[in-house]
């Protein structure tokens, strides 16, 4: 069975190559069927491998087996978390392709299948990153993922905003990739190894007295690259700009799974490479991730609340929840890891569904401006229900999978950090509920425009013209995604299966029972009630959504100037190093 693991990358890439070679000669429906079949086949393979991932599988691609303990082959790992992320990637790619079925106005003309081919390459790159067992090939897939995401973000090349957003994405993520590559080079110089487990052993063998400056530098550089992909503050500025211009199916993948792969990479790399005595002390990683995670959750929630551009609002919600993921991973407990894994699965379904609903608004009305759409979407009842249900999922209302993951993670972090989870979930969900009330129900007066706002009123639809009727696929896909997010929390034993898989790979097989607790249910209900209250206040008192004076400088930071974003990236790397420095000084 382990010989099939490389096919998770090879099948989508071969499917993309086939479309590139023959797409211009195929009718559009044939190209789309090919994409759905290839993506769905990869998803089915990922599920089969996931169900047979005990014990964890390892494969040396092409039969380049180690000789004398050394190898130049490509190592892929088939444990539960790796195959679980590959499965999530494949299922969401299949959903995005199904959502775009026959509606998407696909530029450039004369290149049928180009969009589908790029989506398949994106799928293959993300699967490759998930299963990579050595750092260099993780970087290769990391870069392929970035390049394809850059192309997909700026796919509508006839629009200046799309090109600008794509350039911002490309520059910031490329700098993150360069940082990661330099960190890998330092680790290779120290250990002479590229496989993650062997790098970890090499660091432990040469660093019995603790980490030194080289280890700290490599840690900061590698994590900088991963945190850029995860859109953690202050590495996050590319994300809202990219989501504002990217096609809706691409947004479903960017927020649904690519950002989560950054958090997954942090968990995988620290646990495998830097967790030993020659790496970074646990207390220093906890300080770094909890600090950056809390800052990310707070900034993301505040910025989400003060948006009127619906896609930007959802993007900042992703930033806020990324912060919660980092806090959960930062406490370094099996319970925290298990909760974040469930949270990521549930969040993927909810966020992809919300972006799908935002796409319906864009293609029906040619706008994603909360103010301009006030009361115009009353007839879109199914979309309204799904938007509201997605908001409740973001809030952590039981029995959604997001609620179960949030509850388990809150139990792991405990104390004051629980407030961060409740507040961030409530504020982001309240913003989405506010949009639901205004756009779909027409409640409250239309708010006045304010300074420093990006409206979203001049966005171009992704169809050849405004839709008079919403295609069934555009409503069926988000409904299925929300149902899946709900199933994560209600299917008996699913949480325990996820927990066992995660703990086998990252916590030495620690046994943790994942289940609903009264404490977790009450916190989920509390965050939901708070979200509803915030939405109600915003609708009845529009001044609540007008950014106060203290928030204006925060909003100005999202300047759209790539030079500013690069400066903040360098600042973030410096802060990350400062947070991890005490362990080096102590050694």
Protein backbone atom coordinates (compact mmCIF):
# COMPACT_ATOMS: atom_id res chain seq x y z
CA UNK A 1 0.00 0.00 0.00
CA UNK A 2 2.86 2.40 0.76
CA UNK A 3 3.94 2.30 -2.91
CA UNK A 4 0.76 4.21 -3.77
CA UNK A 5 1.56 7.28 -1.65
CA UNK A 6 3.51 9.14 -4.42
CA UNK A 7 0.41 8.87 -6.62
CA UNK A 8 -1.22 11.54 -4.45
CA UNK A 9 1.14 13.96 -6.18
CA UNK A 10 1.65 12.21 -9.51
CA UNK A 11 -2.02 11.76 -10.46
CA UNK A 12 -3.04 15.45 -10.22
CA UNK A 13 0.15 16.57 -11.95
CA UNK A 14 -0.34 14.08 -14.78
CA UNK A 15 -3.96 15.14 -15.09
CA UNK A 16 -2.86 18.76 -15.35
CA UNK A 17 -0.27 17.87 -17.98
CA UNK A 18 -2.93 16.06 -19.99
CA UNK A 19 -5.19 19.11 -19.90
CA UNK A 20 -2.36 21.44 -20.91
CA UNK A 21 -1.50 19.20 -23.86
CA UNK A 22 -5.05 18.54 -25.09
CA UNK A 23 -7.21 21.22 -23.44
CA UNK A 24 -7.38 23.56 -26.42
CA UNK A 25 -8.73 20.72 -28.54
CA UNK A 26 -11.38 19.64 -26.02
CA UNK A 27 -14.84 21.07 -25.42
CA UNK A 28 -15.08 22.76 -22.07
CA UNK A 29 -17.27 20.07 -20.51
CA UNK A 30 -14.69 17.40 -21.37
CA UNK A 31 -11.91 19.40 -19.70
CA UNK A 32 -14.05 19.92 -16.58
CA UNK A 33 -15.04 16.25 -16.42
CA UNK A 34 -11.35 15.34 -16.67
CA UNK A 35 -10.51 17.66 -13.78
CA UNK A 36 -13.30 16.33 -11.57
CA UNK A 37 -12.39 12.70 -12.32
CA UNK A 38 -8.69 13.25 -11.61
CA UNK A 39 -9.34 15.26 -8.46
CA UNK A 40 -11.99 12.82 -7.24
CA UNK A 41 -9.77 9.83 -7.97
CA UNK A 42 -6.96 11.38 -5.96
CA UNK A 43 -9.37 12.05 -3.10
CA UNK A 44 -10.54 8.43 -3.18
CA UNK A 45 -6.93 7.22 -3.12
CA UNK A 46 -6.16 9.51 -0.18
CA UNK A 47 -9.13 8.12 1.74
CA UNK A 48 -8.06 4.52 1.05
CA UNK A 49 -4.51 5.22 2.19
CA UNK A 50 -5.77 7.08 5.27
CA UNK A 51 -7.91 4.11 6.28
CA UNK A 52 -4.83 1.88 6.00
CA UNK A 53 -2.30 4.23 7.61
CA UNK A 54 -1.66 2.10 10.69
CA UNK A 55 1.19 1.58 11.16
CA UNK A 56 2.51 4.75 9.50
CA UNK A 57 3.92 4.12 6.02
CA UNK A 58 7.17 5.40 4.53
CA UNK A 59 8.10 5.31 0.86
CA UNK A 60 11.31 6.19 -0.94
CA UNK A 61 10.13 7.48 -4.32
CA UNK A 62 11.55 5.69 -7.34
CA UNK A 63 13.07 2.91 -5.25
CA UNK A 64 16.04 5.02 -4.11
CA UNK A 65 16.40 3.15 -0.83
CA UNK A 66 18.95 4.17 1.82
CA UNK A 67 22.32 2.47 1.67
CA UNK A 68 24.27 2.40 4.89
CA UNK A 69 21.69 4.72 6.41
CA UNK A 70 22.18 7.34 3.68
CA UNK A 71 20.02 8.15 0.68
CA UNK A 72 19.49 10.85 -1.93
CA UNK A 73 15.93 9.67 -2.58
CA UNK A 74 12.70 11.54 -1.99
CA UNK A 75 11.05 10.48 1.25
CA UNK A 76 7.27 10.62 1.66
CA UNK A 77 5.45 9.80 4.86
CA UNK A 78 2.01 8.21 5.08
CA UNK A 79 0.97 8.71 8.69
CA UNK A 80 -2.45 9.87 9.82
CA UNK A 81 -1.88 13.66 9.86
CA UNK A 82 -0.09 13.67 6.47
CA UNK A 83 -2.72 11.56 4.73
CA UNK A 84 -5.48 13.39 6.57
CA UNK A 85 -4.28 16.73 5.19
CA UNK A 86 -3.90 15.19 1.71
CA UNK A 87 -7.48 13.93 1.97
CA UNK A 88 -8.73 17.34 3.07
CA UNK A 89 -6.83 19.03 0.22
CA UNK A 90 -8.25 16.62 -2.36
CA UNK A 91 -11.83 16.82 -1.14
CA UNK A 92 -11.79 20.62 -1.09
CA UNK A 93 -10.22 20.75 -4.56
CA UNK A 94 -12.96 18.46 -5.80
CA UNK A 95 -15.54 20.75 -4.16
CA UNK A 96 -14.00 23.85 -5.75
CA UNK A 97 -14.00 22.25 -9.21
CA UNK A 98 -17.59 21.11 -8.77
CA UNK A 99 -18.56 24.61 -7.64
CA UNK A 100 -17.05 26.19 -10.76
CA UNK A 101 -18.71 23.64 -13.06
CA UNK A 102 -19.70 25.38 -16.30
CA UNK A 103 -20.35 28.77 -14.71
CA UNK A 104 -16.85 30.18 -14.46
CA UNK A 105 -15.98 32.65 -17.21
CA UNK A 106 -12.59 31.19 -17.92
CA UNK A 107 -9.95 33.52 -19.32
CA UNK A 108 -7.73 33.45 -21.27
CA UNK A 109 -9.81 32.58 -24.29
CA UNK A 110 -8.61 29.75 -26.48
CA UNK A 111 -7.08 27.85 -23.55
CA UNK A 112 -9.86 25.54 -22.43
CA UNK A 113 -8.89 23.64 -19.31
CA UNK A 114 -6.19 26.08 -18.19
CA UNK A 115 -7.99 26.92 -14.93
CA UNK A 116 -8.73 23.26 -14.21
CA UNK A 117 -5.11 22.33 -14.93
CA UNK A 118 -3.84 24.98 -12.51
CA UNK A 119 -6.23 23.75 -9.84
CA UNK A 120 -4.90 20.19 -10.27
CA UNK A 121 -1.29 21.37 -9.99
CA UNK A 122 -2.31 23.26 -6.83
CA UNK A 123 -3.83 20.07 -5.46
CA UNK A 124 -0.71 18.04 -6.26
CA UNK A 125 1.59 20.63 -4.66
CA UNK A 126 -0.46 20.79 -1.46
CA UNK A 127 -0.62 16.99 -1.24
CA UNK A 128 3.14 16.84 -1.79
CA UNK A 129 3.77 19.31 1.02
CA UNK A 130 1.51 17.31 3.34
CA UNK A 131 3.32 14.00 2.80
CA UNK A 132 6.89 15.27 2.38
CA UNK A 133 9.28 13.55 4.77
CA UNK A 134 12.33 15.68 4.03
CA UNK A 135 12.67 19.42 4.36
CA UNK A 136 14.03 20.15 0.90
CA UNK A 137 11.18 18.49 -0.93
CA UNK A 138 8.74 20.10 1.47
CA UNK A 139 10.26 23.38 0.26
CA UNK A 140 9.91 22.30 -3.39
CA UNK A 141 6.21 21.59 -2.95
CA UNK A 142 5.91 24.74 -0.84
CA UNK A 143 7.25 26.77 -3.76
CA UNK A 144 5.13 24.96 -6.35
CA UNK A 145 2.11 25.65 -4.18
CA UNK A 146 3.03 29.34 -4.01
CA UNK A 147 3.69 29.72 -7.74
CA UNK A 148 0.42 28.09 -8.73
CA UNK A 149 -1.53 30.03 -6.09
CA UNK A 150 0.06 33.20 -7.47
CA UNK A 151 -1.13 32.30 -10.97
CA UNK A 152 -4.61 31.42 -9.74
CA UNK A 153 -4.91 34.62 -7.69
CA UNK A 154 -4.10 36.75 -10.73
CA UNK A 155 -5.96 34.47 -13.14
CA UNK A 156 -8.21 37.28 -14.35
CA UNK A 157 -5.22 39.04 -15.83
CA UNK A 158 -7.37 41.60 -17.63
CA UNK A 159 -8.12 43.23 -14.25
CA UNK A 160 -5.44 45.49 -12.74
CA UNK A 161 -6.50 44.67 -9.18
CA UNK A 162 -6.04 40.96 -9.80
CA UNK A 163 -2.50 41.53 -11.05
CA UNK A 164 -1.66 43.76 -8.07
CA UNK A 165 -3.05 41.26 -5.56
CA UNK A 166 -1.19 38.43 -7.25
CA UNK A 167 2.09 40.38 -7.24
CA UNK A 168 1.70 41.09 -3.53
CA UNK A 169 1.03 37.42 -2.96
CA UNK A 170 4.00 36.39 -5.07
CA UNK A 171 6.54 38.77 -3.52
CA UNK A 172 5.64 38.12 0.12
CA UNK A 173 5.35 34.35 -0.25
CA UNK A 174 8.57 34.20 -2.29
CA UNK A 175 10.43 35.99 0.49
CA UNK A 176 8.96 33.51 2.96
CA UNK A 177 10.16 30.67 0.74
CA UNK A 178 13.67 32.17 0.52
CA UNK A 179 13.77 32.38 4.30
CA UNK A 180 12.73 28.75 4.56
CA UNK A 181 15.38 27.68 2.03
CA UNK A 182 18.12 29.51 3.94
CA UNK A 183 17.00 27.81 7.13
CA UNK A 184 17.15 24.42 5.43
CA UNK A 185 20.67 25.23 4.16
CA UNK A 186 21.83 25.99 7.70
CA UNK A 187 20.37 22.72 8.98
CA UNK A 188 22.07 20.82 6.16
CA UNK A 189 25.37 22.52 6.95
CA UNK A 190 25.07 21.44 10.59
CA UNK A 191 23.80 17.87 10.12
CA UNK A 192 24.46 16.90 6.50
CA UNK A 193 20.88 15.61 6.35
CA UNK A 194 17.60 16.62 4.70
CA UNK A 195 15.16 14.03 6.04
CA UNK A 196 13.31 15.64 8.94
CA UNK A 197 13.80 12.80 11.41
CA UNK A 198 17.52 12.55 10.59
CA UNK A 199 17.99 16.32 10.95
CA UNK A 200 16.37 16.07 14.38
CA UNK A 201 18.72 13.26 15.39
CA UNK A 202 21.70 15.18 14.01
CA UNK A 203 20.83 18.27 16.04
CA UNK A 204 20.43 16.18 19.18
CA UNK A 205 23.76 14.45 18.59
CA UNK A 206 25.67 17.72 18.20
CA UNK A 207 23.75 19.90 20.62
CA UNK A 208 23.63 18.16 23.99
CA UNK A 209 24.19 21.50 25.75
CA UNK A 210 21.18 23.05 23.99
CA UNK A 211 20.62 25.17 20.89
CA UNK A 212 23.13 27.65 19.55
CA UNK A 213 22.87 30.64 17.26
CA UNK A 214 22.84 28.50 14.10
CA UNK A 215 19.96 26.39 15.34
CA UNK A 216 18.06 29.52 16.40
CA UNK A 217 18.65 31.12 13.01
CA UNK A 218 17.48 28.04 11.12
CA UNK A 219 14.43 27.76 13.36
CA UNK A 220 13.46 31.41 12.79
CA UNK A 221 13.98 31.19 9.03
CA UNK A 222 12.04 27.95 8.54
CA UNK A 223 9.17 29.07 10.75
CA UNK A 224 9.06 32.46 9.04
CA UNK A 225 8.37 30.72 5.75
CA UNK A 226 5.67 28.55 7.30
CA UNK A 227 4.04 31.43 9.19
CA UNK A 228 3.88 33.49 5.99
CA UNK A 229 1.91 30.65 4.43
CA UNK A 230 -0.25 30.43 7.57
CA UNK A 231 -0.92 34.20 7.37
CA UNK A 232 0.05 34.81 10.99
CA UNK A 233 0.45 38.44 12.10
CA UNK A 234 2.59 40.29 10.99
CA UNK A 235 3.11 38.01 7.98
CA UNK A 236 -0.56 38.14 7.00
CA UNK A 237 -0.94 41.21 4.80
CA UNK A 238 -0.93 39.29 1.52
CA UNK A 239 -4.00 37.24 2.47
CA UNK A 240 -6.80 39.87 2.39
CA UNK A 241 -5.38 41.43 -0.79
CA UNK A 242 -5.24 38.03 -2.48
CA UNK A 243 -8.72 36.97 -1.37
CA UNK A 244 -10.23 40.22 -2.62
CA UNK A 245 -9.19 39.48 -6.21
CA UNK A 246 -8.85 35.70 -6.44
CA UNK A 247 -11.64 33.70 -8.11
CA UNK A 248 -14.10 32.23 -5.63
CA UNK A 249 -13.02 28.59 -6.13
CA UNK A 250 -9.44 29.66 -5.41
CA UNK A 251 -10.51 31.48 -2.23
CA UNK A 252 -12.16 28.25 -1.10
CA UNK A 253 -8.76 26.54 -1.23
CA UNK A 254 -6.65 29.43 0.06
CA UNK A 255 -8.68 29.84 3.26
CA UNK A 256 -10.01 26.30 3.43
CA UNK A 257 -6.74 24.40 3.35
CA UNK A 258 -3.60 26.24 2.15
CA UNK A 259 -3.38 28.49 5.21
CA UNK A 260 -4.00 25.46 7.41
CA UNK A 261 -1.07 23.70 5.73
CA UNK A 262 1.15 26.46 7.14
CA UNK A 263 -0.02 25.61 10.67
CA UNK A 264 0.41 21.90 9.90
CA UNK A 265 3.96 22.61 8.72
CA UNK A 266 4.79 24.37 11.99
CA UNK A 267 3.53 21.34 13.95
CA UNK A 268 5.35 18.84 11.76
CA UNK A 269 8.68 20.64 11.54
CA UNK A 270 8.95 21.48 15.24
CA UNK A 271 7.91 18.02 16.42
CA UNK A 272 10.25 16.23 14.01
CA UNK A 273 13.24 18.58 13.73
CA UNK A 274 13.46 21.02 16.64
CA UNK A 275 11.78 19.25 19.58
CA UNK A 276 14.85 17.38 20.86
CA UNK A 277 17.59 18.50 23.26
CA UNK A 278 19.58 20.03 20.40
CA UNK A 279 16.62 22.04 19.15
CA UNK A 280 14.47 24.82 20.54
CA UNK A 281 13.24 24.36 24.13
CA UNK A 282 9.51 23.75 24.50
CA UNK A 283 9.05 26.83 26.68
CA UNK A 284 10.48 29.07 23.96
CA UNK A 285 8.26 27.63 21.25
CA UNK A 286 5.25 28.00 23.52
CA UNK A 287 6.15 31.64 24.17
CA UNK A 288 6.57 32.33 20.45
CA UNK A 289 3.46 30.57 19.16
CA UNK A 290 1.12 31.65 21.95
CA UNK A 291 2.26 35.28 21.65
CA UNK A 292 2.00 35.39 17.86
CA UNK A 293 -1.20 33.35 17.92
CA UNK A 294 -2.91 35.66 20.39
CA UNK A 295 -1.80 38.72 18.42
CA UNK A 296 -3.02 37.10 15.18
CA UNK A 297 -6.41 36.22 16.66
CA UNK A 298 -6.89 39.74 18.05
CA UNK A 299 -5.82 41.61 14.90
CA UNK A 300 -7.76 39.27 12.63
CA UNK A 301 -10.94 39.62 14.67
CA UNK A 302 -10.77 43.42 14.91
CA UNK A 303 -10.04 43.83 11.20
CA UNK A 304 -12.78 41.34 10.30
CA UNK A 305 -15.34 43.34 12.27
CA UNK A 306 -14.56 46.63 10.50
CA UNK A 307 -14.75 45.29 6.92
CA UNK A 308 -17.57 45.89 4.46
CA UNK A 309 -15.88 44.02 1.58
CA UNK A 310 -17.33 40.57 2.23
CA UNK A 311 -14.40 38.56 0.82
CA UNK A 312 -11.93 40.63 2.85
CA UNK A 313 -14.11 40.13 5.91
CA UNK A 314 -13.94 36.37 5.45
CA UNK A 315 -10.19 36.57 4.82
CA UNK A 316 -9.59 38.36 8.13
CA UNK A 317 -11.76 35.74 9.80
CA UNK A 318 -9.28 33.17 8.48
CA UNK A 319 -6.43 35.20 9.98
CA UNK A 320 -8.18 35.23 13.36
CA UNK A 321 -8.78 31.49 13.36
CA UNK A 322 -5.19 30.85 12.28
CA UNK A 323 -4.20 32.61 15.49
CA UNK A 324 -6.35 30.19 17.46
CA UNK A 325 -4.71 27.24 15.70
CA UNK A 326 -1.25 28.55 16.62
CA UNK A 327 -2.23 29.05 20.26
CA UNK A 328 -3.55 25.48 20.41
CA UNK A 329 -0.37 24.09 18.88
CA UNK A 330 1.80 26.31 21.05
CA UNK A 331 0.78 24.74 24.37
CA UNK A 332 2.48 21.53 23.17
CA UNK A 333 0.01 19.03 24.61
CA UNK A 334 -1.66 16.05 22.92
CA UNK A 335 -5.05 17.59 23.70
CA UNK A 336 -4.06 20.84 22.03
CA UNK A 337 -2.87 19.03 18.91
CA UNK A 338 -6.05 16.95 18.74
CA UNK A 339 -8.31 19.95 19.20
CA UNK A 340 -6.54 21.94 16.49
CA UNK A 341 -6.77 18.99 14.07
CA UNK A 342 -10.54 18.80 14.55
CA UNK A 343 -10.83 22.58 14.44
CA UNK A 344 -8.98 22.68 11.10
CA UNK A 345 -11.23 20.03 9.55
CA UNK A 346 -14.42 21.78 10.64
CA UNK A 347 -13.09 25.23 9.73
CA UNK A 348 -12.17 24.05 6.23
CA UNK A 349 -15.77 23.09 5.46
CA UNK A 350 -17.30 26.19 7.02
CA UNK A 351 -14.93 28.72 5.47
CA UNK A 352 -15.03 27.17 2.00
CA UNK A 353 -18.84 27.22 2.16
CA UNK A 354 -18.90 30.89 3.20
CA UNK A 355 -16.64 31.88 0.30
CA UNK A 356 -18.87 29.87 -2.02
CA UNK A 357 -21.86 31.89 -0.80
CA UNK A 358 -19.91 35.13 -1.28
CA UNK A 359 -19.29 34.01 -4.85
CA UNK A 360 -23.03 33.66 -5.37
CA UNK A 361 -23.48 37.31 -4.35
CA UNK A 362 -20.67 38.43 -6.64
CA UNK A 363 -22.02 36.65 -9.69
CA UNK A 364 -25.66 37.52 -9.04
CA UNK A 365 -25.21 41.22 -8.21
CA UNK A 366 -21.70 42.12 -9.34
CA UNK A 367 -20.75 43.27 -5.85
CA UNK A 368 -19.45 42.00 -2.52
CA UNK A 369 -20.07 45.29 -0.73
CA UNK A 370 -22.11 44.81 2.44
CA UNK A 371 -23.50 48.35 2.17
CA UNK A 372 -24.38 48.30 -1.54
CA UNK A 373 -26.04 44.88 -1.20
CA UNK A 374 -28.25 45.99 1.70
CA UNK A 375 -31.52 44.08 1.31
CA UNK A 376 -30.87 43.11 -2.32
CA UNK A 377 -30.42 39.37 -1.71
CA UNK A 378 -33.78 38.69 -0.02
CA UNK A 379 -34.73 36.16 -2.68
CA UNK A 380 -31.60 34.08 -2.20
CA UNK A 381 -33.10 32.18 0.70
CA UNK A 382 -30.96 29.07 0.42
CA UNK A 383 -27.78 31.14 0.30
CA UNK A 384 -29.01 33.20 3.26
CA UNK A 385 -29.57 30.08 5.35
CA UNK A 386 -26.13 28.72 4.48
CA UNK A 387 -24.45 32.03 5.26
CA UNK A 388 -26.12 32.12 8.67
CA UNK A 389 -25.30 28.46 9.37
CA UNK A 390 -21.68 29.10 8.38
CA UNK A 391 -21.56 32.01 10.82
CA UNK A 392 -22.82 29.76 13.61
CA UNK A 393 -20.14 27.24 12.68
CA UNK A 394 -17.47 29.95 12.98
CA UNK A 395 -18.86 30.89 16.39
CA UNK A 396 -18.38 27.32 17.59
CA UNK A 397 -22.02 26.40 18.11
CA UNK A 398 -22.35 22.72 19.08
CA UNK A 399 -22.48 20.24 17.46
CA UNK A 400 -20.36 21.62 14.59
CA UNK A 401 -16.88 20.17 14.16
CA UNK A 402 -15.49 23.65 14.75
CA UNK A 403 -17.22 23.62 18.13
CA UNK A 404 -15.76 20.24 19.10
CA UNK A 405 -12.26 21.27 18.01
CA UNK A 406 -12.62 24.61 19.77
CA UNK A 407 -13.86 22.95 22.97
CA UNK A 408 -10.98 20.45 23.08
CA UNK A 409 -8.43 23.16 22.36
CA UNK A 410 -9.90 25.48 25.00
CA UNK A 411 -9.63 22.68 27.53
CA UNK A 412 -5.96 22.27 26.59
CA UNK A 413 -4.99 25.95 26.74
CA UNK A 414 -7.09 26.79 29.80
CA UNK A 415 -7.12 29.99 31.80
CA UNK A 416 -7.06 33.43 30.17
CA UNK A 417 -6.40 32.00 26.72
CA UNK A 418 -9.93 30.63 26.70
CA UNK A 419 -11.12 34.24 26.53
CA UNK A 420 -9.14 34.68 23.30
CA UNK A 421 -10.97 31.73 21.73
CA UNK A 422 -14.41 32.92 22.79
CA UNK A 423 -13.77 36.54 21.77
CA UNK A 424 -12.20 35.80 18.36
CA UNK A 425 -14.90 33.27 17.46
CA UNK A 426 -17.70 35.59 18.56
CA UNK A 427 -16.39 38.69 16.79
CA UNK A 428 -15.72 36.95 13.45
CA UNK A 429 -19.04 35.09 13.57
CA UNK A 430 -20.83 38.29 14.58
CA UNK A 431 -19.43 40.04 11.52
CA UNK A 432 -20.73 37.26 9.25
CA UNK A 433 -24.14 37.32 10.97
CA UNK A 434 -24.23 41.08 10.51
CA UNK A 435 -23.72 40.61 6.78
CA UNK A 436 -26.49 38.00 6.75
CA UNK A 437 -28.93 40.36 8.47
CA UNK A 438 -28.17 43.32 6.24
CA UNK A 439 -27.67 41.71 2.85
CA UNK A 440 -30.19 38.87 2.94
CA UNK A 441 -32.81 40.29 5.30
CA UNK A 442 -32.41 44.04 4.77
CA UNK A 443 -32.45 44.72 8.50
CA UNK A 444 -31.42 48.04 9.95
CA UNK A 445 -30.59 51.31 8.18
CA UNK A 446 -27.95 51.33 5.48
CA UNK A 447 -24.69 52.41 7.14
CA UNK A 448 -22.84 55.48 5.97
CA UNK A 449 -19.55 55.04 4.21
CA UNK A 450 -16.42 55.67 6.25
CA UNK A 451 -12.80 56.53 5.56
CA UNK A 452 -10.18 53.85 4.91
CA UNK A 453 -12.74 51.35 3.64
CA UNK A 454 -12.42 49.01 0.70
CA UNK A 455 -15.98 48.59 -0.44
CA UNK A 456 -16.07 45.74 -2.93
CA UNK A 457 -18.80 47.50 -4.90
CA UNK A 458 -16.79 47.62 -8.11
CA UNK A 459 -15.85 43.95 -8.30
CA UNK A 460 -16.34 42.17 -11.61
CA UNK A 461 -18.48 39.00 -11.69
CA UNK A 462 -16.74 35.74 -12.53
CA UNK A 463 -19.31 34.93 -15.20
CA UNK A 464 -19.81 36.32 -18.68
CA UNK A 465 -22.68 38.38 -17.25
CA UNK A 466 -24.70 38.72 -14.06
CA UNK A 467 -26.55 35.52 -13.26
CA UNK A 468 -30.33 35.60 -13.30
CA UNK A 469 -30.44 32.08 -11.90
CA UNK A 470 -27.89 30.52 -9.56
CA UNK A 471 -26.61 27.15 -10.87
CA UNK A 472 -27.42 24.18 -8.67
CA UNK A 473 -23.73 23.40 -8.16
CA UNK A 474 -23.17 26.80 -6.56
CA UNK A 475 -25.71 26.02 -3.83
CA UNK A 476 -25.20 22.26 -3.54
CA UNK A 477 -21.46 22.47 -2.88
CA UNK A 478 -21.63 24.85 0.12
CA UNK A 479 -24.54 22.84 1.52
CA UNK A 480 -22.46 19.65 1.37
CA UNK A 481 -19.45 21.40 2.91
CA UNK A 482 -21.53 22.67 5.84
CA UNK A 483 -23.03 19.22 6.32
CA UNK A 484 -19.52 17.77 6.42
CA UNK A 485 -18.43 20.35 8.99
CA UNK A 486 -21.43 19.37 11.09
CA UNK A 487 -20.66 15.66 10.69
CA UNK A 488 -17.18 16.15 12.19
CA UNK A 489 -18.84 16.99 15.49
CA UNK A 490 -21.66 14.43 15.49
CA UNK A 491 -20.28 11.23 13.92
CA UNK A 492 -19.61 8.88 16.86
CA UNK A 493 -15.95 8.08 17.36
CA UNK A 494 -14.65 10.43 14.65
CA UNK A 495 -12.88 12.67 17.17
CA UNK A 496 -11.19 9.70 18.83
CA UNK A 497 -9.96 8.41 15.47
CA UNK A 498 -8.47 11.80 14.61
CA UNK A 499 -6.91 12.10 18.07
CA UNK A 500 -5.33 8.63 17.90
CA UNK A 501 -3.92 9.39 14.46
CA UNK A 502 -2.44 12.74 15.51
CA UNK A 503 -1.01 11.41 18.76
CA UNK A 504 0.57 8.40 17.07
CA UNK A 505 2.50 10.77 14.79
CA UNK A 506 3.30 13.59 17.19
CA UNK A 507 2.83 12.63 20.83
CA UNK A 508 4.37 9.19 21.12
CA UNK A 509 1.05 7.40 21.00
CA UNK A 510 -0.46 9.26 23.97
CA UNK A 511 -4.04 8.15 24.54
CA UNK A 512 -6.48 11.04 24.63
CA UNK A 513 -10.25 10.69 24.62
CA UNK A 514 -11.93 13.42 22.59
CA UNK A 515 -15.52 14.05 23.58
CA UNK A 516 -18.02 16.78 24.31
CA UNK A 517 -17.83 18.28 27.78
CA UNK A 518 -20.30 20.53 29.57
CA UNK A 519 -17.58 23.18 29.84
CA UNK A 520 -16.91 23.08 26.10
CA UNK A 521 -20.59 23.16 25.18
CA UNK A 522 -21.23 26.14 27.44
CA UNK A 523 -18.30 28.07 25.98
CA UNK A 524 -19.53 27.28 22.46
CA UNK A 525 -23.01 28.50 23.32
CA UNK A 526 -21.56 31.58 25.01
CA UNK A 527 -19.50 32.56 21.95
CA UNK A 528 -22.56 32.02 19.73
CA UNK A 529 -24.81 34.16 21.95
CA UNK A 530 -22.14 36.86 22.02
CA UNK A 531 -21.87 36.72 18.21
CA UNK A 532 -25.65 37.13 17.82
CA UNK A 533 -25.63 40.03 20.28
CA UNK A 534 -22.80 41.77 18.44
CA UNK A 535 -24.55 41.33 15.11
CA UNK A 536 -27.78 42.70 16.56
CA UNK A 537 -26.03 45.76 17.95
CA UNK A 538 -24.24 46.36 14.65
CA UNK A 539 -27.50 46.20 12.68
CA UNK A 540 -29.47 48.45 15.02
CA UNK A 541 -26.57 50.80 15.73
CA UNK A 542 -24.45 51.15 12.57
CA UNK A 543 -21.94 53.32 14.41
CA UNK A 544 -20.71 50.11 16.02
CA UNK A 545 -19.18 49.11 12.68
CA UNK A 546 -17.48 52.46 12.13
CA UNK A 547 -13.83 52.07 13.03
CA UNK A 548 -12.90 54.08 16.14
CA UNK A 549 -9.86 56.31 16.15
CA UNK A 550 -7.61 53.68 17.73
CA UNK A 551 -8.40 51.19 14.94
CA UNK A 552 -7.63 53.57 12.06
CA UNK A 553 -3.82 53.11 12.24
CA UNK A 554 -4.33 49.34 12.30
CA UNK A 555 -6.42 49.56 9.15
CA UNK A 556 -3.87 51.80 7.44
CA UNK A 557 -1.27 49.06 7.83
CA UNK A 558 -3.13 47.13 5.09
CA UNK A 559 -1.76 49.69 2.66
CA UNK A 560 -1.53 47.60 -0.48
CA UNK A 561 2.14 48.58 -0.86
CA UNK A 562 4.28 45.49 -1.11
CA UNK A 563 7.28 47.33 0.37
CA UNK A 564 5.34 47.85 3.60
CA UNK A 565 4.49 44.16 3.72
CA UNK A 566 8.11 43.16 3.22
CA UNK A 567 9.13 45.45 6.08
CA UNK A 568 6.57 43.81 8.35
CA UNK A 569 7.80 40.37 7.30
CA UNK A 570 11.32 41.29 8.40
CA UNK A 571 9.91 42.72 11.62
CA UNK A 572 8.01 39.49 12.24
CA UNK A 573 11.12 37.38 11.75
CA UNK A 574 12.97 39.59 14.23
CA UNK A 575 10.18 39.27 16.80
CA UNK A 576 10.08 35.51 16.32
CA UNK A 577 13.81 35.33 16.98
CA UNK A 578 13.51 37.52 20.07
CA UNK A 579 10.76 35.30 21.47
CA UNK A 580 12.89 32.17 21.00
CA UNK A 581 16.18 33.75 22.11
CA UNK A 582 16.00 33.04 25.88
CA UNK A 583 16.52 29.32 25.27
CA UNK A 584 19.73 29.99 23.36
CA UNK A 585 21.01 32.43 25.97
CA UNK A 586 20.18 29.95 28.71
CA UNK A 587 22.22 27.23 27.06
